[in-house]
Protein backbone atom coordinates (compact mmCIF):
# COMPACT_ATOMS: atom_id res chain seq x y z
CA MET A 1 5.18 18.73 -7.27
CA PRO A 2 1.42 18.20 -6.85
CA PHE A 3 0.05 14.79 -7.72
CA PRO A 4 -0.62 14.51 -11.49
CA ARG A 5 -4.09 14.78 -12.93
CA PHE A 6 -3.72 11.12 -13.94
CA ALA A 7 -0.55 9.32 -12.90
CA TRP A 8 0.92 6.16 -14.33
CA GLY A 9 3.19 4.52 -11.79
CA SER A 10 5.15 1.54 -10.65
CA GLY A 11 7.21 0.77 -7.56
CA GLU A 12 9.81 -1.41 -5.93
CA GLU A 13 8.52 -4.03 -3.50
CA CYS A 14 9.89 -3.03 -0.08
CA SER A 15 8.00 -5.04 2.54
CA ALA A 16 10.05 -5.81 5.65
CA PRO A 17 8.02 -7.41 8.48
CA THR A 18 9.37 -9.92 10.97
CA VAL A 19 7.88 -13.43 10.97
CA HIS A 20 8.35 -16.65 12.92
CA HIS A 21 10.18 -19.28 10.89
CA GLU A 22 11.85 -22.54 11.94
CA GLY A 23 11.82 -21.65 15.60
CA ALA A 24 13.18 -18.12 15.25
CA VAL A 25 12.00 -14.61 14.51
CA VAL A 26 13.40 -13.57 11.13
CA ARG A 27 13.25 -10.40 9.07
CA VAL A 28 11.68 -10.62 5.61
CA ASP A 29 13.40 -7.93 3.55
CA GLU A 30 12.02 -8.07 0.01
CA MET A 31 14.52 -5.54 -1.35
CA GLU A 32 17.33 -7.77 -0.16
CA SER A 33 15.88 -11.09 -1.30
CA THR A 34 14.99 -9.80 -4.79
CA GLY A 35 18.43 -8.21 -5.24
CA HIS A 36 17.41 -4.57 -5.35
CA TYR A 37 20.16 -3.25 -3.09
CA ARG A 38 22.88 -4.66 -5.34
CA ASN A 39 20.99 -3.83 -8.56
CA MET A 40 19.65 -0.42 -7.55
CA ASP A 41 21.08 1.54 -10.46
CA LEU A 42 19.80 -0.97 -13.02
CA ASP A 43 16.36 -1.23 -11.41
CA LEU A 44 15.92 2.54 -11.38
CA ALA A 45 16.99 2.76 -15.03
CA LEU A 46 14.44 0.08 -15.91
CA ALA A 47 11.75 1.99 -14.00
CA ALA A 48 12.60 5.19 -15.84
CA GLY A 49 12.33 3.34 -19.13
CA LEU A 50 8.67 2.62 -18.41
CA GLY A 51 7.80 6.29 -18.80
CA VAL A 52 5.91 6.43 -15.51
CA ASP A 53 4.89 9.67 -13.82
CA VAL A 54 5.50 8.51 -10.25
CA TRP A 55 7.60 5.82 -8.60
CA ARG A 56 6.53 4.25 -5.28
CA TYR A 57 9.75 3.78 -3.35
CA GLY A 58 10.84 3.16 0.22
CA ILE A 59 14.00 2.03 1.91
CA PRO A 60 12.85 -0.23 4.77
CA TRP A 61 12.76 1.69 8.03
CA HIS A 62 14.85 -0.89 9.91
CA ARG A 63 17.70 -0.31 7.43
CA VAL A 64 17.74 3.39 8.27
CA GLU A 65 17.05 3.64 12.02
CA THR A 66 19.73 1.29 13.30
CA ALA A 67 19.24 2.33 16.96
CA PRO A 68 16.69 4.65 18.60
CA GLY A 69 17.09 8.03 16.93
CA CYS A 70 20.24 6.95 15.02
CA TYR A 71 19.91 7.06 11.23
CA ASP A 72 22.10 5.59 8.52
CA TRP A 73 21.21 7.49 5.33
CA GLU A 74 23.50 5.63 2.92
CA LEU A 75 20.74 3.69 1.15
CA TRP A 76 18.38 6.67 0.94
CA ASP A 77 21.23 8.83 -0.40
CA ARG A 78 21.89 6.28 -3.16
CA ALA A 79 18.20 5.76 -3.88
CA LEU A 80 17.26 9.42 -4.20
CA ALA A 81 20.38 10.24 -6.19
CA GLY A 82 19.35 7.46 -8.57
CA CYS A 83 15.83 8.86 -8.84
CA ARG A 84 17.22 12.29 -9.70
CA ARG A 85 19.59 10.81 -12.26
CA GLU A 86 16.81 8.84 -13.96
CA GLY A 87 14.17 11.57 -13.74
CA LEU A 88 11.88 9.53 -11.46
CA GLU A 89 9.41 11.31 -9.18
CA PRO A 90 9.40 9.23 -5.98
CA VAL A 91 6.45 8.65 -3.68
CA ILE A 92 8.36 8.23 -0.43
CA ASP A 93 7.27 5.15 1.51
CA LEU A 94 8.43 5.43 5.13
CA CYS A 95 6.85 2.42 6.89
CA HIS A 96 6.01 -0.66 4.84
CA PHE A 97 4.84 -3.49 7.12
CA GLY A 98 7.94 -3.52 9.32
CA LEU A 99 9.51 -1.71 12.29
CA PRO A 100 13.10 -1.43 13.50
CA ASP A 101 13.92 -4.12 16.05
CA HIS A 102 13.91 -1.72 18.99
CA TYR A 103 10.15 -1.11 18.69
CA GLY A 104 7.84 -3.63 20.33
CA GLY A 105 5.22 -3.96 17.61
CA PHE A 106 2.41 -2.10 15.91
CA SER A 107 0.03 -2.57 18.86
CA ASP A 108 2.54 -0.74 21.10
CA PRO A 109 2.21 3.06 20.60
CA GLY A 110 5.93 3.77 21.01
CA TRP A 111 6.70 3.39 17.32
CA VAL A 112 4.39 6.26 16.34
CA GLU A 113 6.62 8.91 17.89
CA GLY A 114 9.59 7.05 16.43
CA LEU A 115 8.14 7.42 12.93
CA VAL A 116 7.44 11.10 13.52
CA ASP A 117 11.07 11.62 14.57
CA TYR A 118 12.28 9.65 11.55
CA ALA A 119 10.10 11.69 9.21
CA GLU A 120 11.35 14.94 10.74
CA ALA A 121 14.95 13.85 10.16
CA PHE A 122 14.11 12.75 6.60
CA LEU A 123 12.52 16.10 5.77
CA ALA A 124 15.52 17.97 7.16
CA ARG A 125 17.93 15.93 5.04
CA TYR A 126 15.97 15.74 1.77
CA PRO A 127 14.24 19.00 0.76
CA ASP A 128 12.95 17.87 -2.64
CA PRO A 129 10.40 15.02 -2.31
CA THR A 130 6.79 16.18 -2.06
CA LEU A 131 4.83 12.92 -2.39
CA PHE A 132 4.70 10.63 0.65
CA THR A 133 3.08 7.41 1.81
CA PRO A 134 3.86 7.66 5.53
CA VAL A 135 2.35 4.27 6.46
CA ASN A 136 1.61 1.71 3.78
CA GLU A 137 -1.66 -0.24 4.08
CA PRO A 138 -2.69 0.37 7.70
CA LEU A 139 -5.43 -2.27 7.45
CA ALA A 140 -3.04 -5.01 6.32
CA THR A 141 -0.33 -3.89 8.74
CA ALA A 142 -2.68 -4.10 11.71
CA GLY A 143 -4.67 -7.08 10.51
CA VAL A 144 -1.86 -9.45 9.54
CA SER A 145 0.22 -8.43 12.58
CA CYS A 146 -2.46 -8.43 15.27
CA LEU A 147 -5.58 -10.21 14.00
CA TYR A 148 -4.18 -13.04 11.88
CA GLY A 149 -0.94 -13.53 13.81
CA GLN A 150 1.52 -13.78 10.92
CA TRP A 151 3.75 -10.68 11.12
CA ASN A 152 5.49 -8.51 13.69
CA ASP A 153 3.35 -8.66 16.87
CA ARG A 154 2.06 -12.13 15.80
CA LEU A 155 -1.16 -11.72 17.76
CA SER A 156 -4.72 -12.87 17.19
CA ASP A 157 -6.57 -10.31 19.26
CA VAL A 158 -9.26 -7.87 18.13
CA ASP A 159 -8.30 -5.27 20.75
CA ALA A 160 -4.64 -5.36 19.70
CA TYR A 161 -5.72 -5.10 16.06
CA ALA A 162 -7.84 -2.01 16.76
CA ARG A 163 -5.02 -0.35 18.69
CA ALA A 164 -2.54 -1.13 15.92
CA LEU A 165 -4.87 0.25 13.27
CA ALA A 166 -5.42 3.44 15.27
CA HIS A 167 -1.65 3.80 15.70
CA CYS A 168 -1.12 3.36 11.96
CA ILE A 169 -3.75 5.97 11.10
CA ARG A 170 -2.43 8.46 13.66
CA ALA A 171 1.16 7.96 12.50
CA ASP A 172 0.11 8.51 8.89
CA LEU A 173 -1.80 11.66 9.80
CA GLU A 174 0.97 13.06 12.03
CA VAL A 175 3.59 12.67 9.31
CA ALA A 176 1.29 14.01 6.60
CA ALA A 177 0.70 17.15 8.67
CA MET A 178 4.47 17.56 9.14
CA VAL A 179 5.04 17.24 5.40
CA ARG A 180 2.40 19.86 4.59
CA ALA A 181 3.90 22.23 7.16
CA ASP A 182 7.40 21.76 5.73
CA ARG A 183 6.63 21.95 1.98
CA ASP A 184 3.79 21.70 -0.52
CA GLY A 185 3.54 18.00 0.20
CA TRP A 186 0.94 15.36 -0.57
CA ASN A 187 -0.17 12.24 1.25
CA VAL A 188 -0.44 9.60 -1.48
CA SER A 189 -1.97 6.70 0.38
CA ALA A 190 -2.04 2.99 -0.33
CA GLU A 191 -4.60 0.80 1.41
CA VAL A 192 -6.07 -2.67 1.04
CA PHE A 193 -9.21 -2.50 -1.11
CA LEU A 194 -11.00 -5.80 -0.61
CA VAL A 195 -14.35 -6.09 -2.38
CA PRO A 196 -16.77 -8.81 -1.19
CA VAL A 197 -18.89 -10.24 -4.02
CA VAL A 198 -22.10 -11.72 -2.63
CA LEU A 199 -23.13 -14.90 -4.46
CA ASP A 200 -26.05 -15.82 -2.21
CA GLU A 201 -28.06 -13.99 0.41
CA ALA A 202 -26.84 -16.20 3.25
CA ALA A 203 -23.42 -14.58 2.89
CA ARG A 204 -24.62 -10.99 2.89
CA GLY A 205 -24.16 -10.39 6.61
CA GLY A 206 -20.53 -11.49 6.52
CA ALA A 207 -19.92 -9.43 3.40
CA GLU A 208 -21.35 -6.31 5.01
CA LYS A 209 -19.15 -6.73 8.07
CA LEU A 210 -16.06 -7.22 5.90
CA ALA A 211 -16.95 -4.13 3.89
CA ALA A 212 -17.35 -2.14 7.12
CA ARG A 213 -13.94 -3.29 8.33
CA VAL A 214 -12.37 -2.31 4.99
CA ARG A 215 -13.96 1.14 5.28
CA ALA A 216 -12.78 1.69 8.87
CA PRO A 217 -9.30 3.07 7.99
CA TRP A 218 -10.88 5.54 5.56
CA ASP A 219 -13.55 6.53 8.09
CA LEU A 220 -10.87 7.29 10.65
CA ARG A 221 -8.54 8.95 8.16
CA LEU A 222 -11.20 11.21 6.66
CA GLY A 223 -13.25 12.03 9.76
CA HIS A 224 -16.30 9.84 9.14
CA GLU A 225 -18.15 7.89 11.80
CA VAL A 226 -16.95 4.29 11.87
CA ASP A 227 -19.65 1.84 10.80
CA PRO A 228 -21.53 0.43 13.83
CA LEU A 229 -20.83 -3.09 12.54
CA VAL A 230 -17.18 -2.67 13.58
CA ALA A 231 -17.14 0.47 15.78
CA HIS A 232 -17.17 -1.67 18.93
CA GLU A 233 -13.77 -3.08 17.95
CA PHE A 234 -12.19 0.24 18.92
CA ARG A 235 -13.51 0.20 22.50
CA THR A 236 -10.07 -0.28 24.05
CA VAL A 237 -8.31 2.37 21.97
CA PRO A 238 -7.49 5.24 24.37
CA GLU A 239 -9.82 8.18 24.03
CA ALA A 240 -6.90 10.56 23.58
CA GLU A 241 -5.74 8.53 20.58
CA MET A 242 -9.14 8.72 18.91
CA GLU A 243 -9.40 12.43 19.65
CA ARG A 244 -6.00 13.11 18.08
CA ILE A 245 -7.00 11.16 14.97
CA ALA A 246 -10.22 13.18 14.72
CA GLU A 247 -8.23 16.42 15.14
CA LEU A 248 -5.90 15.56 12.26
CA ALA A 249 -8.42 13.85 9.95
CA GLY A 250 -9.33 15.38 6.63
CA PRO A 251 -8.72 15.40 2.89
CA GLU A 252 -6.13 18.17 2.58
CA ASN A 253 -3.50 17.35 -0.10
CA PHE A 254 -4.65 13.76 -0.02
CA ILE A 255 -4.95 11.12 -2.73
CA ALA A 256 -6.62 7.91 -1.58
CA GLY A 257 -4.94 4.73 -2.74
CA HIS A 258 -6.75 1.51 -3.61
CA ASP A 259 -4.59 -1.62 -3.60
CA PHE A 260 -6.70 -3.93 -5.72
CA TYR A 261 -5.54 -7.22 -7.21
CA PRO A 262 -7.37 -10.15 -8.83
CA THR A 263 -7.32 -11.72 -5.36
CA SER A 264 -9.00 -8.65 -3.84
CA ALA A 265 -12.45 -9.50 -5.18
CA LEU A 266 -13.73 -12.06 -2.67
CA PRO A 267 -16.60 -14.37 -3.62
CA MET A 268 -18.82 -14.90 -0.61
CA GLY A 269 -21.31 -17.75 -0.61
CA GLY A 270 -22.03 -19.94 -3.59
CA SER A 271 -20.40 -23.25 -4.42
CA PRO A 272 -17.08 -24.15 -2.75
CA GLY A 273 -14.06 -23.20 -4.83
CA ILE A 274 -15.95 -20.88 -7.13
CA GLU A 275 -13.79 -18.41 -9.05
CA LEU A 276 -14.80 -15.06 -10.44
CA THR A 277 -13.96 -14.13 -14.00
CA VAL A 278 -11.61 -11.22 -14.73
CA ASP A 279 -14.56 -9.10 -15.84
CA GLU A 280 -16.52 -9.92 -12.68
CA ARG A 281 -13.59 -8.90 -10.50
CA LEU A 282 -12.96 -5.67 -12.38
CA ASP A 283 -16.65 -4.76 -12.49
CA ALA A 284 -16.84 -5.34 -8.73
CA TYR A 285 -13.89 -2.99 -8.26
CA ALA A 286 -15.38 -0.29 -10.51
CA ALA A 287 -18.67 -0.37 -8.59
CA ALA A 288 -16.93 -0.26 -5.20
CA ALA A 289 -14.58 2.53 -6.31
CA SER A 290 -17.49 4.66 -7.52
CA GLU A 291 -19.26 4.09 -4.19
CA PHE A 292 -16.05 5.07 -2.39
CA HIS A 293 -15.92 8.35 -4.30
CA GLN A 294 -19.55 9.09 -3.48
CA ARG A 295 -19.04 8.32 0.22
CA TYR A 296 -15.83 10.25 0.82
CA GLY A 297 -15.64 12.80 -1.99
CA VAL A 298 -11.88 12.39 -2.38
CA ASP A 299 -9.86 11.57 -5.48
CA PHE A 300 -8.19 8.17 -5.61
CA TRP A 301 -5.79 6.11 -7.66
CA VAL A 302 -5.16 2.40 -7.98
CA SER A 303 -2.00 2.51 -5.89
CA GLU A 304 -1.25 -1.18 -6.42
CA THR A 305 -2.40 -3.75 -8.92
CA SER A 306 -0.87 -6.70 -10.76
CA CYS A 307 -1.71 -10.16 -12.04
CA LEU A 308 -1.47 -11.68 -8.53
CA GLY A 309 -3.59 -14.83 -8.54
CA LEU A 310 -3.83 -15.00 -12.34
CA GLY A 311 -0.26 -15.55 -13.45
CA PRO A 312 1.99 -13.53 -15.78
CA ASP A 313 0.38 -14.91 -18.94
CA ARG A 314 -2.78 -12.94 -18.07
CA ALA A 315 -1.09 -9.73 -16.96
CA GLU A 316 -1.92 -7.84 -20.14
CA GLU A 317 -5.56 -8.92 -19.94
CA TRP A 318 -5.76 -7.60 -16.37
CA LEU A 319 -4.03 -4.30 -17.12
CA THR A 320 -6.15 -3.67 -20.19
CA GLY A 321 -9.37 -4.41 -18.30
CA MET A 322 -8.40 -2.25 -15.33
CA THR A 323 -7.43 0.63 -17.60
CA ASP A 324 -10.74 0.41 -19.44
CA ARG A 325 -12.65 0.64 -16.14
CA LEU A 326 -10.61 3.62 -14.97
CA LYS A 327 -11.10 5.44 -18.29
CA ALA A 328 -14.85 4.86 -18.05
CA MET A 329 -14.93 6.27 -14.52
CA VAL A 330 -12.93 9.32 -15.60
CA ALA A 331 -15.46 9.90 -18.39
CA GLU A 332 -18.27 9.70 -15.81
CA GLY A 333 -16.61 12.36 -13.63
CA VAL A 334 -15.38 10.00 -10.91
CA GLY A 335 -12.17 11.33 -9.32
CA VAL A 336 -9.72 8.72 -10.64
CA ARG A 337 -6.11 9.94 -10.48
CA GLY A 338 -4.02 7.07 -11.80
CA LEU A 339 -2.80 3.49 -11.80
CA CYS A 340 0.34 1.89 -10.38
CA TRP A 341 1.53 -1.59 -11.41
CA TYR A 342 3.14 -3.02 -8.32
CA SER A 343 5.84 -3.97 -8.54
CA ARG A 344 8.54 -3.35 -11.11
CA GLY A 345 10.00 -6.82 -10.50
CA ASP A 346 8.88 -10.19 -9.27
CA GLN A 347 8.55 -10.71 -5.53
CA HIS A 348 9.02 -13.53 -3.05
CA ASP A 349 6.36 -15.41 -1.08
CA TRP A 350 3.44 -13.06 -1.65
CA ASP A 351 1.18 -15.94 -2.69
CA THR A 352 1.33 -16.93 1.01
CA MET A 353 1.55 -13.47 2.63
CA LEU A 354 5.32 -13.89 3.24
CA VAL A 355 4.82 -16.93 5.50
CA PRO A 356 6.83 -19.10 5.32
CA PRO A 357 9.70 -17.00 3.91
CA VAL A 358 11.17 -19.60 1.53
CA GLN A 359 11.78 -17.27 -1.44
CA GLN A 360 9.14 -18.83 -3.65
CA VAL A 361 8.90 -16.51 -6.65
CA THR A 362 5.64 -14.57 -7.03
CA GLU A 363 5.46 -13.74 -10.74
CA VAL A 364 3.76 -10.36 -10.78
CA GLY A 365 6.51 -8.03 -12.00
CA LEU A 366 6.93 -6.00 -15.13
CA TYR A 367 10.35 -7.65 -15.05
CA ASP A 368 11.36 -11.06 -13.77
CA LEU A 369 14.08 -11.52 -11.15
CA ASP A 370 16.74 -11.65 -13.88
CA ARG A 371 15.54 -8.19 -14.98
CA ASN A 372 14.03 -9.50 -18.22
CA GLU A 373 11.10 -7.44 -19.43
CA ARG A 374 7.65 -9.01 -19.70
CA PRO A 375 5.13 -7.99 -22.39
CA VAL A 376 2.99 -6.21 -19.79
CA ALA A 377 5.80 -3.69 -19.29
CA ASP A 378 5.55 -2.53 -22.89
CA LEU A 379 1.76 -2.36 -22.57
CA LEU A 380 2.12 -0.10 -19.52
CA ARG A 381 4.63 2.02 -21.42
CA ARG A 382 2.23 2.45 -24.35
CA LEU A 383 -0.76 3.20 -22.13
CA ALA A 384 1.23 5.87 -20.29
CA ARG A 385 1.91 7.60 -23.61
CA GLU A 386 -1.68 7.34 -24.83
CA PHE A 387 -3.76 8.38 -21.80
CA PRO A 388 -4.71 10.91 -20.73
């Protein structure tokens, strides 16, 4: 199916990077820690009960590719059968922050061909899905793995970061092209959407550089020149890699995804510890999203949002405010295509970017970890019936 004119969505948290913890490298598998594998049927029934149009869903790659080129489809078979049974339209998430153990890391190009092979095998086995997120959040994947040293590669190196980001963009584009060639498929992206909010002029330079870095994945993905403020960061990316990205870049069957949370509006300058109000954060998003649409001319959706940083008691306030902004943009002719509350259930350790992995509950779900519904779930359900 094509992407809806305006989609209401949710998803199952499926991050699976490796991190260093207590002297060892360990795998963080959110689907395992939150109990999704053993509660899959129930979780999919709960998702269907929300009345959503699309369902962001991905079995972690390391669970499928158990050795190079060897695939265990048991979890995907169960998952997609459950989606069919419950009438859920999945957005297939193939790579969500983690790689199988036999790949060296995101800064090593070997995994890109591995993902292409995996996608080819997936398409051969499952003829029905048409909506795909080949690589979730390239900016976060590359940045947290290779610039901030917390996941996977665990590096703090600008050159490694730039290579990893280029690999993520190329992998996403390669798989998207395969999907379009195989079926009437869509690339439904999801990318970090940080919005710097300048509180005094002394911070403007840093804010502009951050904004340029946030735009870089879109510039590469859509064939725009990378902002000179950060273009030099890609100096060590092989020329052939950049040429292949440029060859594949473009907006065909593409929905841009903005992952915007309360924590995504970043106050820059001003008094230490200053906090933005909910309205200030949402207004900053609406302005940045409208600028995005003007710059790139592509439709977008809020591919992830929740009450992260506010707490579950303010989830309804956040969802109502976000919906109001999106409705206003639709009325103004901005190409808004939907909203996805992420995720269906509570998560672990996302307040600290999964490090350390101590299974501290992050209360952002429409349901808690005991599968009890929160009031925001019914609000989402009602909004999905009312608009558009």
